[in-house]
PDB file of N, CA and C in Angstrom:
ATOM      1  N   MET A   1       8.497 -23.422  22.323  1.00  0.00           N
ATOM      2  CA  MET A   1       7.859 -22.251  22.889  1.00  0.00           C
ATOM      3  C   MET A   1       8.295 -22.107  24.345  1.00  0.00           C
ATOM      4  N   ARG A   2       8.499 -20.873  24.740  1.00  0.00           N
ATOM      5  CA  ARG A   2       8.897 -20.608  26.116  1.00  0.00           C
ATOM      6  C   ARG A   2       7.715 -19.968  26.847  1.00  0.00           C
ATOM      7  N   GLU A   3       7.647 -20.202  28.130  1.00  0.00           N
ATOM      8  CA  GLU A   3       6.560 -19.660  28.928  1.00  0.00           C
ATOM      9  C   GLU A   3       7.130 -19.116  30.231  1.00  0.00           C
ATOM     10  N   TYR A   4       6.640 -17.936  30.637  1.00  0.00           N
ATOM     11  CA  TYR A   4       7.131 -17.292  31.848  1.00  0.00           C
ATOM     12  C   TYR A   4       5.972 -17.016  32.790  1.00  0.00           C
ATOM     13  N   ALA A   5       6.249 -17.106  34.099  1.00  0.00           N
ATOM     14  CA  ALA A   5       5.213 -16.900  35.111  1.00  0.00           C
ATOM     15  C   ALA A   5       4.759 -15.444  35.163  1.00  0.00           C
ATOM     16  N   GLN A   6       5.673 -14.500  34.915  1.00  0.00           N
ATOM     17  CA  GLN A   6       5.345 -13.082  34.969  1.00  0.00           C
ATOM     18  C   GLN A   6       6.005 -12.351  33.803  1.00  0.00           C
ATOM     19  N   PRO A   7       5.355 -11.294  33.327  1.00  0.00           N
ATOM     20  CA  PRO A   7       5.929 -10.530  32.201  1.00  0.00           C
ATOM     21  C   PRO A   7       6.916  -9.464  32.676  1.00  0.00           C
ATOM     22  N   SER A   8       8.008  -9.876  33.276  1.00  0.00           N
ATOM     23  CA  SER A   8       9.008  -8.905  33.735  1.00  0.00           C
ATOM     24  C   SER A   8      10.402  -9.497  33.594  1.00  0.00           C
ATOM     25  N   ALA A   9      11.402  -8.680  33.842  1.00  0.00           N
ATOM     26  CA  ALA A   9      12.813  -9.069  33.823  1.00  0.00           C
ATOM     27  C   ALA A   9      13.307  -9.464  32.440  1.00  0.00           C
ATOM     28  N   ALA A  10      12.790  -8.825  31.418  1.00  0.00           N
ATOM     29  CA  ALA A  10      13.211  -9.152  30.051  1.00  0.00           C
ATOM     30  C   ALA A  10      14.715  -8.963  29.862  1.00  0.00           C
ATOM     31  N   HIS A  11      15.301  -8.000  30.558  1.00  0.00           N
ATOM     32  CA  HIS A  11      16.741  -7.757  30.433  1.00  0.00           C
ATOM     33  C   HIS A  11      17.563  -8.932  30.955  1.00  0.00           C
ATOM     34  N   VAL A  12      17.025  -9.703  31.875  1.00  0.00           N
ATOM     35  CA  VAL A  12      17.716 -10.870  32.424  1.00  0.00           C
ATOM     36  C   VAL A  12      17.342 -12.126  31.646  1.00  0.00           C
ATOM     37  N   LEU A  13      16.049 -12.314  31.428  1.00  0.00           N
ATOM     38  CA  LEU A  13      15.577 -13.518  30.747  1.00  0.00           C
ATOM     39  C   LEU A  13      15.992 -13.547  29.292  1.00  0.00           C
ATOM     40  N   GLY A  14      16.012 -12.389  28.642  1.00  0.00           N
ATOM     41  CA  GLY A  14      16.386 -12.322  27.239  1.00  0.00           C
ATOM     42  C   GLY A  14      15.191 -12.588  26.336  1.00  0.00           C
ATOM     43  N   TYR A  15      15.482 -12.986  25.107  1.00  0.00           N
ATOM     44  CA  TYR A  15      14.425 -13.248  24.140  1.00  0.00           C
ATOM     45  C   TYR A  15      14.899 -14.286  23.138  1.00  0.00           C
ATOM     46  N   VAL A  16      13.961 -14.812  22.365  1.00  0.00           N
ATOM     47  CA  VAL A  16      14.298 -15.744  21.295  1.00  0.00           C
ATOM     48  C   VAL A  16      14.044 -15.065  19.963  1.00  0.00           C
ATOM     49  N   SER A  17      14.782 -15.476  18.955  1.00  0.00           N
ATOM     50  CA  SER A  17      14.575 -14.961  17.605  1.00  0.00           C
ATOM     51  C   SER A  17      14.814 -16.097  16.618  1.00  0.00           C
ATOM     52  N   GLU A  18      14.380 -15.866  15.399  1.00  0.00           N
ATOM     53  CA  GLU A  18      14.564 -16.888  14.367  1.00  0.00           C
ATOM     54  C   GLU A  18      16.050 -17.042  14.052  1.00  0.00           C
ATOM     55  N   VAL A  19      16.467 -18.278  13.818  1.00  0.00           N
ATOM     56  CA  VAL A  19      17.872 -18.529  13.515  1.00  0.00           C
ATOM     57  C   VAL A  19      18.268 -17.859  12.206  1.00  0.00           C
ATOM     58  N   ASN A  20      19.538 -17.496  12.117  1.00  0.00           N
ATOM     59  CA  ASN A  20      20.068 -16.957  10.871  1.00  0.00           C
ATOM     60  C   ASN A  20      21.030 -17.977  10.257  1.00  0.00           C
ATOM     61  N   ASP A  21      21.593 -17.654   9.120  1.00  0.00           N
ATOM     62  CA  ASP A  21      22.499 -18.588   8.432  1.00  0.00           C
ATOM     63  C   ASP A  21      23.702 -18.980   9.296  1.00  0.00           C
ATOM     64  N   ALA A  22      24.239 -18.033  10.052  1.00  0.00           N
ATOM     65  CA  ALA A  22      25.396 -18.323  10.901  1.00  0.00           C
ATOM     66  C   ALA A  22      25.024 -19.335  11.995  1.00  0.00           C
ATOM     67  N   ASP A  23      23.825 -19.195  12.582  1.00  0.00           N
ATOM     68  CA  ASP A  23      23.371 -20.154  13.600  1.00  0.00           C
ATOM     69  C   ASP A  23      23.251 -21.547  13.003  1.00  0.00           C
ATOM     70  N   ILE A  24      22.693 -21.619  11.820  1.00  0.00           N
ATOM     71  CA  ILE A  24      22.484 -22.903  11.143  1.00  0.00           C
ATOM     72  C   ILE A  24      23.825 -23.558  10.815  1.00  0.00           C
ATOM     73  N   GLN A  25      24.796 -22.772  10.354  1.00  0.00           N
ATOM     74  CA  GLN A  25      26.114 -23.317  10.027  1.00  0.00           C
ATOM     75  C   GLN A  25      26.875 -23.743  11.287  1.00  0.00           C
ATOM     76  N   ARG A  26      26.677 -22.993  12.385  1.00  0.00           N
ATOM     77  CA  ARG A  26      27.388 -23.272  13.626  1.00  0.00           C
ATOM     78  C   ARG A  26      26.862 -24.537  14.310  1.00  0.00           C
ATOM     79  N   GLU A  27      25.575 -24.799  14.178  1.00  0.00           N
ATOM     80  CA  GLU A  27      24.997 -25.953  14.871  1.00  0.00           C
ATOM     81  C   GLU A  27      24.009 -26.680  13.970  1.00  0.00           C
ATOM     82  N   GLU A  28      24.278 -27.920  13.713  1.00  0.00           N
ATOM     83  CA  GLU A  28      23.492 -28.770  12.822  1.00  0.00           C
ATOM     84  C   GLU A  28      22.047 -28.946  13.291  1.00  0.00           C
ATOM     85  N   TYR A  29      21.796 -28.768  14.569  1.00  0.00           N
ATOM     86  CA  TYR A  29      20.473 -28.946  15.166  1.00  0.00           C
ATOM     87  C   TYR A  29      19.422 -28.046  14.514  1.00  0.00           C
ATOM     88  N   TYR A  30      19.825 -26.838  14.129  1.00  0.00           N
ATOM     89  CA  TYR A  30      18.879 -25.831  13.656  1.00  0.00           C
ATOM     90  C   TYR A  30      18.621 -25.906  12.159  1.00  0.00           C
ATOM     91  N   LYS A  31      17.387 -25.611  11.805  1.00  0.00           N
ATOM     92  CA  LYS A  31      16.959 -25.499  10.410  1.00  0.00           C
ATOM     93  C   LYS A  31      16.274 -24.137  10.252  1.00  0.00           C
ATOM     94  N   SER A  32      16.156 -23.660   9.043  1.00  0.00           N
ATOM     95  CA  SER A  32      15.494 -22.394   8.781  1.00  0.00           C
ATOM     96  C   SER A  32      14.092 -22.403   9.385  1.00  0.00           C
ATOM     97  N   GLY A  33      13.750 -21.331  10.075  1.00  0.00           N
ATOM     98  CA  GLY A  33      12.445 -21.224  10.714  1.00  0.00           C
ATOM     99  C   GLY A  33      12.455 -21.577  12.197  1.00  0.00           C
ATOM    100  N   ASP A  34      13.547 -22.183  12.682  1.00  0.00           N
ATOM    101  CA  ASP A  34      13.667 -22.495  14.104  1.00  0.00           C
ATOM    102  C   ASP A  34      13.946 -21.217  14.892  1.00  0.00           C
ATOM    103  N   TYR A  35      13.742 -21.300  16.191  1.00  0.00           N
ATOM    104  CA  TYR A  35      14.027 -20.178  17.079  1.00  0.00           C
ATOM    105  C   TYR A  35      15.143 -20.556  18.040  1.00  0.00           C
ATOM    106  N   ILE A  36      15.910 -19.531  18.438  1.00  0.00           N
ATOM    107  CA  ILE A  36      17.073 -19.733  19.299  1.00  0.00           C
ATOM    108  C   ILE A  36      17.120 -18.603  20.325  1.00  0.00           C
ATOM    109  N   GLY A  37      17.647 -18.895  21.516  1.00  0.00           N
ATOM    110  CA  GLY A  37      17.841 -17.857  22.516  1.00  0.00           C
ATOM    111  C   GLY A  37      18.832 -16.830  22.004  1.00  0.00           C
ATOM    112  N   ALA A  38      18.429 -15.555  22.000  1.00  0.00           N
ATOM    113  CA  ALA A  38      19.270 -14.509  21.417  1.00  0.00           C
ATOM    114  C   ALA A  38      20.000 -13.663  22.459  1.00  0.00           C
ATOM    115  N   SER A  39      19.508 -13.657  23.695  1.00  0.00           N
ATOM    116  CA  SER A  39      20.183 -12.890  24.747  1.00  0.00           C
ATOM    117  C   SER A  39      19.787 -13.428  26.112  1.00  0.00           C
ATOM    118  N   GLY A  40      20.489 -12.983  27.142  1.00  0.00           N
ATOM    119  CA  GLY A  40      20.152 -13.323  28.515  1.00  0.00           C
ATOM    120  C   GLY A  40      20.189 -14.815  28.812  1.00  0.00           C
ATOM    121  N   ILE A  41      19.337 -15.237  29.747  1.00  0.00           N
ATOM    122  CA  ILE A  41      19.237 -16.643  30.126  1.00  0.00           C
ATOM    123  C   ILE A  41      18.856 -17.490  28.925  1.00  0.00           C
ATOM    124  N   GLU A  42      18.009 -16.951  28.055  1.00  0.00           N
ATOM    125  CA  GLU A  42      17.596 -17.674  26.847  1.00  0.00           C
ATOM    126  C   GLU A  42      18.803 -18.113  26.029  1.00  0.00           C
ATOM    127  N   LYS A  43      19.772 -17.237  25.885  1.00  0.00           N
ATOM    128  CA  LYS A  43      20.967 -17.561  25.096  1.00  0.00           C
ATOM    129  C   LYS A  43      21.924 -18.459  25.877  1.00  0.00           C
ATOM    130  N   THR A  44      22.158 -18.119  27.138  1.00  0.00           N
ATOM    131  CA  THR A  44      23.111 -18.858  27.955  1.00  0.00           C
ATOM    132  C   THR A  44      22.719 -20.324  28.114  1.00  0.00           C
ATOM    133  N   TYR A  45      21.424 -20.581  28.300  1.00  0.00           N
ATOM    134  CA  TYR A  45      20.958 -21.943  28.556  1.00  0.00           C
ATOM    135  C   TYR A  45      20.162 -22.522  27.387  1.00  0.00           C
ATOM    136  N   GLU A  46      20.424 -22.053  26.191  1.00  0.00           N
ATOM    137  CA  GLU A  46      19.687 -22.500  25.002  1.00  0.00           C
ATOM    138  C   GLU A  46      19.642 -24.022  24.876  1.00  0.00           C
ATOM    139  N   LYS A  47      20.762 -24.674  25.019  1.00  0.00           N
ATOM    140  CA  LYS A  47      20.803 -26.136  24.831  1.00  0.00           C
ATOM    141  C   LYS A  47      19.948 -26.869  25.856  1.00  0.00           C
ATOM    142  N   GLN A  48      19.894 -26.375  27.077  1.00  0.00           N
ATOM    143  CA  GLN A  48      19.079 -27.014  28.096  1.00  0.00           C
ATOM    144  C   GLN A  48      17.592 -26.721  27.907  1.00  0.00           C
ATOM    145  N   LEU A  49      17.272 -25.546  27.407  1.00  0.00           N
ATOM    146  CA  LEU A  49      15.878 -25.124  27.253  1.00  0.00           C
ATOM    147  C   LEU A  49      15.201 -25.686  26.009  1.00  0.00           C
ATOM    148  N   ARG A  50      15.951 -25.919  24.959  1.00  0.00           N
ATOM    149  CA  ARG A  50      15.342 -26.229  23.662  1.00  0.00           C
ATOM    150  C   ARG A  50      14.742 -27.620  23.548  1.00  0.00           C
ATOM    151  N   GLY A  51      15.189 -28.568  24.307  1.00  0.00           N
ATOM    152  CA  GLY A  51      14.664 -29.924  24.206  1.00  0.00           C
ATOM    153  C   GLY A  51      15.219 -30.651  22.996  1.00  0.00           C
ATOM    154  N   ILE A  52      14.484 -31.656  22.542  1.00  0.00           N
ATOM    155  CA  ILE A  52      14.912 -32.454  21.394  1.00  0.00           C
ATOM    156  C   ILE A  52      13.775 -32.501  20.388  1.00  0.00           C
ATOM    157  N   LYS A  53      14.100 -32.237  19.137  1.00  0.00           N
ATOM    158  CA  LYS A  53      13.090 -32.257  18.076  1.00  0.00           C
ATOM    159  C   LYS A  53      12.562 -33.669  17.852  1.00  0.00           C
ATOM    160  N   GLY A  54      11.309 -33.736  17.501  1.00  0.00           N
ATOM    161  CA  GLY A  54      10.722 -35.013  17.131  1.00  0.00           C
ATOM    162  C   GLY A  54      10.758 -35.185  15.625  1.00  0.00           C
ATOM    163  N   ILE A  55      10.337 -36.351  15.174  1.00  0.00           N
ATOM    164  CA  ILE A  55      10.275 -36.639  13.739  1.00  0.00           C
ATOM    165  C   ILE A  55       8.906 -37.225  13.442  1.00  0.00           C
ATOM    166  N   LYS A  56       8.250 -36.667  12.439  1.00  0.00           N
ATOM    167  CA  LYS A  56       6.966 -37.187  11.996  1.00  0.00           C
ATOM    168  C   LYS A  56       7.052 -37.367  10.493  1.00  0.00           C
ATOM    169  N   LYS A  57       7.009 -38.603  10.055  1.00  0.00           N
ATOM    170  CA  LYS A  57       7.110 -38.901   8.624  1.00  0.00           C
ATOM    171  C   LYS A  57       5.717 -38.914   8.014  1.00  0.00           C
ATOM    172  N   GLN A  58       5.583 -38.183   6.915  1.00  0.00           N
ATOM    173  CA  GLN A  58       4.307 -38.060   6.223  1.00  0.00           C
ATOM    174  C   GLN A  58       4.418 -38.620   4.813  1.00  0.00           C
ATOM    175  N   LEU A  59       3.366 -39.225   4.355  1.00  0.00           N
ATOM    176  CA  LEU A  59       3.305 -39.761   3.010  1.00  0.00           C
ATOM    177  C   LEU A  59       2.631 -38.719   2.116  1.00  0.00           C
ATOM    178  N   VAL A  60       3.266 -38.383   0.985  1.00  0.00           N
ATOM    179  CA  VAL A  60       2.679 -37.423   0.044  1.00  0.00           C
ATOM    180  C   VAL A  60       2.625 -38.042  -1.351  1.00  0.00           C
ATOM    181  N   ASP A  61       1.737 -37.495  -2.173  1.00  0.00           N
ATOM    182  CA  ASP A  61       1.646 -37.993  -3.544  1.00  0.00           C
ATOM    183  C   ASP A  61       2.608 -37.200  -4.440  1.00  0.00           C
ATOM    184  N   VAL A  62       2.565 -37.439  -5.740  1.00  0.00           N
ATOM    185  CA  VAL A  62       3.492 -36.791  -6.669  1.00  0.00           C
ATOM    186  C   VAL A  62       3.289 -35.275  -6.750  1.00  0.00           C
ATOM    187  N   HIS A  63       2.155 -34.783  -6.250  1.00  0.00           N
ATOM    188  CA  HIS A  63       1.873 -33.344  -6.243  1.00  0.00           C
ATOM    189  C   HIS A  63       2.122 -32.735  -4.860  1.00  0.00           C
ATOM    190  N   ASN A  64       2.797 -33.497  -3.999  1.00  0.00           N
ATOM    191  CA  ASN A  64       3.147 -33.076  -2.646  1.00  0.00           C
ATOM    192  C   ASN A  64       1.927 -32.843  -1.755  1.00  0.00           C
ATOM    193  N   ARG A  65       0.850 -33.556  -2.035  1.00  0.00           N
ATOM    194  CA  ARG A  65      -0.351 -33.488  -1.192  1.00  0.00           C
ATOM    195  C   ARG A  65      -0.276 -34.572  -0.126  1.00  0.00           C
ATOM    196  N   LEU A  66      -0.572 -34.181   1.091  1.00  0.00           N
ATOM    197  CA  LEU A  66      -0.497 -35.095   2.224  1.00  0.00           C
ATOM    198  C   LEU A  66      -1.481 -36.254   2.059  1.00  0.00           C
ATOM    199  N   GLN A  67      -0.958 -37.469   2.232  1.00  0.00           N
ATOM    200  CA  GLN A  67      -1.780 -38.672   2.109  1.00  0.00           C
ATOM    201  C   GLN A  67      -1.905 -39.418   3.441  1.00  0.00           C
ATOM    202  N   GLY A  68      -1.238 -38.950   4.479  1.00  0.00           N
ATOM    203  CA  GLY A  68      -1.330 -39.588   5.785  1.00  0.00           C
ATOM    204  C   GLY A  68       0.046 -39.879   6.354  1.00  0.00           C
ATOM    205  N   SER A  69       0.049 -40.588   7.476  1.00  0.00           N
ATOM    206  CA  SER A  69       1.301 -40.957   8.145  1.00  0.00           C
ATOM    207  C   SER A  69       1.988 -42.092   7.400  1.00  0.00           C
ATOM    208  N   TYR A  70       3.295 -42.022   7.324  1.00  0.00           N
ATOM    209  CA  TYR A  70       4.090 -43.079   6.716  1.00  0.00           C
ATOM    210  C   TYR A  70       4.141 -44.257   7.688  1.00  0.00           C
ATOM    211  N   LEU A  71       3.828 -45.431   7.209  1.00  0.00           N
ATOM    212  CA  LEU A  71       3.814 -46.658   8.016  1.00  0.00           C
ATOM    213  C   LEU A  71       2.996 -46.502   9.306  1.00  0.00           C
ATOM    214  N   GLU A  72       1.902 -45.751   9.181  1.00  0.00           N
ATOM    215  CA  GLU A  72       0.993 -45.515  10.314  1.00  0.00           C
ATOM    216  C   GLU A  72       1.709 -44.944  11.533  1.00  0.00           C
ATOM    217  N   GLY A  73       2.777 -44.181  11.299  1.00  0.00           N
ATOM    218  CA  GLY A  73       3.486 -43.499  12.375  1.00  0.00           C
ATOM    219  C   GLY A  73       4.453 -44.357  13.163  1.00  0.00           C
ATOM    220  N   VAL A  74       4.713 -45.569  12.713  1.00  0.00           N
ATOM    221  CA  VAL A  74       5.605 -46.478  13.437  1.00  0.00           C
ATOM    222  C   VAL A  74       7.003 -45.882  13.618  1.00  0.00           C
ATOM    223  N   GLU A  75       7.486 -45.149  12.634  1.00  0.00           N
ATOM    224  CA  GLU A  75       8.841 -44.590  12.704  1.00  0.00           C
ATOM    225  C   GLU A  75       8.879 -43.173  13.278  1.00  0.00           C
ATOM    226  N   ASP A  76       7.727 -42.629  13.673  1.00  0.00           N
ATOM    227  CA  ASP A  76       7.696 -41.292  14.256  1.00  0.00           C
ATOM    228  C   ASP A  76       8.386 -41.297  15.617  1.00  0.00           C
ATOM    229  N   ILE A  77       9.021 -40.180  15.939  1.00  0.00           N
ATOM    230  CA  ILE A  77       9.696 -40.015  17.233  1.00  0.00           C
ATOM    231  C   ILE A  77       9.129 -38.744  17.867  1.00  0.00           C
ATOM    232  N   PRO A  78       8.528 -38.848  19.047  1.00  0.00           N
ATOM    233  CA  PRO A  78       7.953 -37.654  19.678  1.00  0.00           C
ATOM    234  C   PRO A  78       9.035 -36.680  20.144  1.00  0.00           C
ATOM    235  N   ALA A  79       8.708 -35.394  20.092  1.00  0.00           N
ATOM    236  CA  ALA A  79       9.625 -34.368  20.592  1.00  0.00           C
ATOM    237  C   ALA A  79       9.721 -34.472  22.108  1.00  0.00           C
ATOM    238  N   LYS A  80      10.857 -34.031  22.649  1.00  0.00           N
ATOM    239  CA  LYS A  80      11.045 -34.022  24.100  1.00  0.00           C
ATOM    240  C   LYS A  80      11.177 -32.572  24.559  1.00  0.00           C
ATOM    241  N   ILE A  81      10.406 -32.228  25.564  1.00  0.00           N
ATOM    242  CA  ILE A  81      10.414 -30.873  26.107  1.00  0.00           C
ATOM    243  C   ILE A  81      11.755 -30.599  26.775  1.00  0.00           C
ATOM    244  N   GLY A  82      12.221 -29.345  26.655  1.00  0.00           N
ATOM    245  CA  GLY A  82      13.464 -28.942  27.294  1.00  0.00           C
ATOM    246  C   GLY A  82      13.312 -28.826  28.797  1.00  0.00           C
ATOM    247  N   ASN A  83      14.401 -28.552  29.451  1.00  0.00           N
ATOM    248  CA  ASN A  83      14.418 -28.422  30.909  1.00  0.00           C
ATOM    249  C   ASN A  83      13.860 -27.079  31.351  1.00  0.00           C
ATOM    250  N   ASN A  84      13.290 -27.059  32.541  1.00  0.00           N
ATOM    251  CA  ASN A  84      12.907 -25.808  33.178  1.00  0.00           C
ATOM    252  C   ASN A  84      14.123 -25.243  33.891  1.00  0.00           C
ATOM    253  N   ILE A  85      14.152 -23.935  34.014  1.00  0.00           N
ATOM    254  CA  ILE A  85      15.216 -23.274  34.765  1.00  0.00           C
ATOM    255  C   ILE A  85      14.552 -22.416  35.831  1.00  0.00           C
ATOM    256  N   VAL A  86      15.052 -22.501  37.037  1.00  0.00           N
ATOM    257  CA  VAL A  86      14.542 -21.683  38.128  1.00  0.00           C
ATOM    258  C   VAL A  86      15.636 -20.687  38.491  1.00  0.00           C
ATOM    259  N   SER A  87      15.306 -19.408  38.434  1.00  0.00           N
ATOM    260  CA  SER A  87      16.295 -18.390  38.794  1.00  0.00           C
ATOM    261  C   SER A  87      16.068 -17.952  40.237  1.00  0.00           C
ATOM    262  N   THR A  88      17.050 -17.291  40.787  1.00  0.00           N
ATOM    263  CA  THR A  88      16.923 -16.753  42.142  1.00  0.00           C
ATOM    264  C   THR A  88      16.459 -15.304  42.126  1.00  0.00           C
ATOM    265  N   LEU A  89      16.081 -14.831  40.973  1.00  0.00           N
ATOM    266  CA  LEU A  89      15.560 -13.469  40.853  1.00  0.00           C
ATOM    267  C   LEU A  89      14.240 -13.371  41.612  1.00  0.00           C
ATOM    268  N   ASP A  90      14.097 -12.359  42.455  1.00  0.00           N
ATOM    269  CA  ASP A  90      12.859 -12.140  43.205  1.00  0.00           C
ATOM    270  C   ASP A  90      11.862 -11.469  42.263  1.00  0.00           C
ATOM    271  N   ALA A  91      10.891 -12.230  41.775  1.00  0.00           N
ATOM    272  CA  ALA A  91       9.949 -11.733  40.759  1.00  0.00           C
ATOM    273  C   ALA A  91       9.111 -10.567  41.283  1.00  0.00           C
ATOM    274  N   ASP A  92       8.698 -10.626  42.542  1.00  0.00           N
ATOM    275  CA  ASP A  92       7.894  -9.532  43.101  1.00  0.00           C
ATOM    276  C   ASP A  92       8.712  -8.252  43.203  1.00  0.00           C
ATOM    277  N   LEU A  93       9.947  -8.373  43.654  1.00  0.00           N
ATOM    278  CA  LEU A  93      10.818  -7.202  43.752  1.00  0.00           C
ATOM    279  C   LEU A  93      11.121  -6.634  42.363  1.00  0.00           C
ATOM    280  N   GLN A  94      11.359  -7.518  41.396  1.00  0.00           N
ATOM    281  CA  GLN A  94      11.621  -7.078  40.022  1.00  0.00           C
ATOM    282  C   GLN A  94      10.417  -6.326  39.463  1.00  0.00           C
ATOM    283  N   SER A  95       9.211  -6.853  39.656  1.00  0.00           N
ATOM    284  CA  SER A  95       7.991  -6.195  39.167  1.00  0.00           C
ATOM    285  C   SER A  95       7.816  -4.831  39.819  1.00  0.00           C
ATOM    286  N   TYR A  96       8.089  -4.757  41.126  1.00  0.00           N
ATOM    287  CA  TYR A  96       7.973  -3.490  41.845  1.00  0.00           C
ATOM    288  C   TYR A  96       8.960  -2.460  41.289  1.00  0.00           C
ATOM    289  N   ALA A  97      10.196  -2.873  41.070  1.00  0.00           N
ATOM    290  CA  ALA A  97      11.208  -1.970  40.509  1.00  0.00           C
ATOM    291  C   ALA A  97      10.791  -1.483  39.123  1.00  0.00           C
ATOM    292  N   GLU A  98      10.248  -2.363  38.305  1.00  0.00           N
ATOM    293  CA  GLU A  98       9.800  -1.957  36.968  1.00  0.00           C
ATOM    294  C   GLU A  98       8.640  -0.975  37.055  1.00  0.00           C
ATOM    295  N   GLN A  99       7.760  -1.151  38.015  1.00  0.00           N
ATOM    296  CA  GLN A  99       6.660  -0.192  38.208  1.00  0.00           C
ATOM    297  C   GLN A  99       7.205   1.174  38.593  1.00  0.00           C
ATOM    298  N   LEU A 100       8.211   1.205  39.473  1.00  0.00           N
ATOM    299  CA  LEU A 100       8.810   2.479  39.873  1.00  0.00           C
ATOM    300  C   LEU A 100       9.460   3.184  38.691  1.00  0.00           C
ATOM    301  N   PHE A 101      10.153   2.426  37.840  1.00  0.00           N
ATOM    302  CA  PHE A 101      10.763   3.026  36.658  1.00  0.00           C
ATOM    303  C   PHE A 101       9.696   3.561  35.712  1.00  0.00           C
ATOM    304  N   GLU A 102       8.586   2.854  35.586  1.00  0.00           N
ATOM    305  CA  GLU A 102       7.501   3.311  34.712  1.00  0.00           C
ATOM    306  C   GLU A 102       6.904   4.613  35.240  1.00  0.00           C
ATOM    307  N   ILE A 103       6.696   4.688  36.559  1.00  0.00           N
ATOM    308  CA  ILE A 103       6.171   5.925  37.166  1.00  0.00           C
ATOM    309  C   ILE A 103       7.144   7.073  36.939  1.00  0.00           C
ATOM    310  N   LYS A 104       8.443   6.792  37.129  1.00  0.00           N
ATOM    311  CA  LYS A 104       9.456   7.834  36.932  1.00  0.00           C
ATOM    312  C   LYS A 104       9.486   8.304  35.475  1.00  0.00           C
ATOM    313  N   ARG A 105       9.371   7.344  34.540  1.00  0.00           N
ATOM    314  CA  ARG A 105       9.360   7.702  33.119  1.00  0.00           C
ATOM    315  C   ARG A 105       8.149   8.550  32.772  1.00  0.00           C
ATOM    316  N   CYS A 106       6.980   8.176  33.299  1.00  0.00           N
ATOM    317  CA  CYS A 106       5.752   8.899  33.008  1.00  0.00           C
ATOM    318  C   CYS A 106       5.741  10.304  33.625  1.00  0.00           C
ATOM    319  N   ASN A 107       6.493  10.483  34.696  1.00  0.00           N
ATOM    320  CA  ASN A 107       6.565  11.789  35.365  1.00  0.00           C
ATOM    321  C   ASN A 107       7.732  12.622  34.837  1.00  0.00           C
ATOM    322  N   GLY A 108       8.362  12.186  33.764  1.00  0.00           N
ATOM    323  CA  GLY A 108       9.459  12.944  33.183  1.00  0.00           C
ATOM    324  C   GLY A 108      10.758  12.814  33.945  1.00  0.00           C
ATOM    325  N   GLY A 109      10.945  11.723  34.666  1.00  0.00           N
ATOM    326  CA  GLY A 109      12.128  11.527  35.477  1.00  0.00           C
ATOM    327  C   GLY A 109      13.387  11.280  34.687  1.00  0.00           C
ATOM    328  N   TYR A 110      13.276  10.758  33.444  1.00  0.00           N
ATOM    329  CA  TYR A 110      14.459  10.550  32.608  1.00  0.00           C
ATOM    330  C   TYR A 110      14.091  10.418  31.182  1.00  0.00           C
TER     331      TYR A 110
END
């Protein structure tokens, strides 16, 4: 999951989307249902942002019902959080510019 201090600069920050078959074939790291940076900083720095997946082994019965942790979790590996990235984008200036564009749009400016 990604978290941002302010809801602005989407054109620079980009977005994440669910991986497709081509992403999965291109990189062994991804499995169906994972998310990947699709544009902007999210895409450019995907490997640094994504972190490392953990492993949790579960014991199930013949009907695939969860019975608990395998070996009491001894072989589990915790996930590692990805790196933070600090941009030089002025967040206050960006927010102000977006407000001006919104006012212009609402007034029929474009």
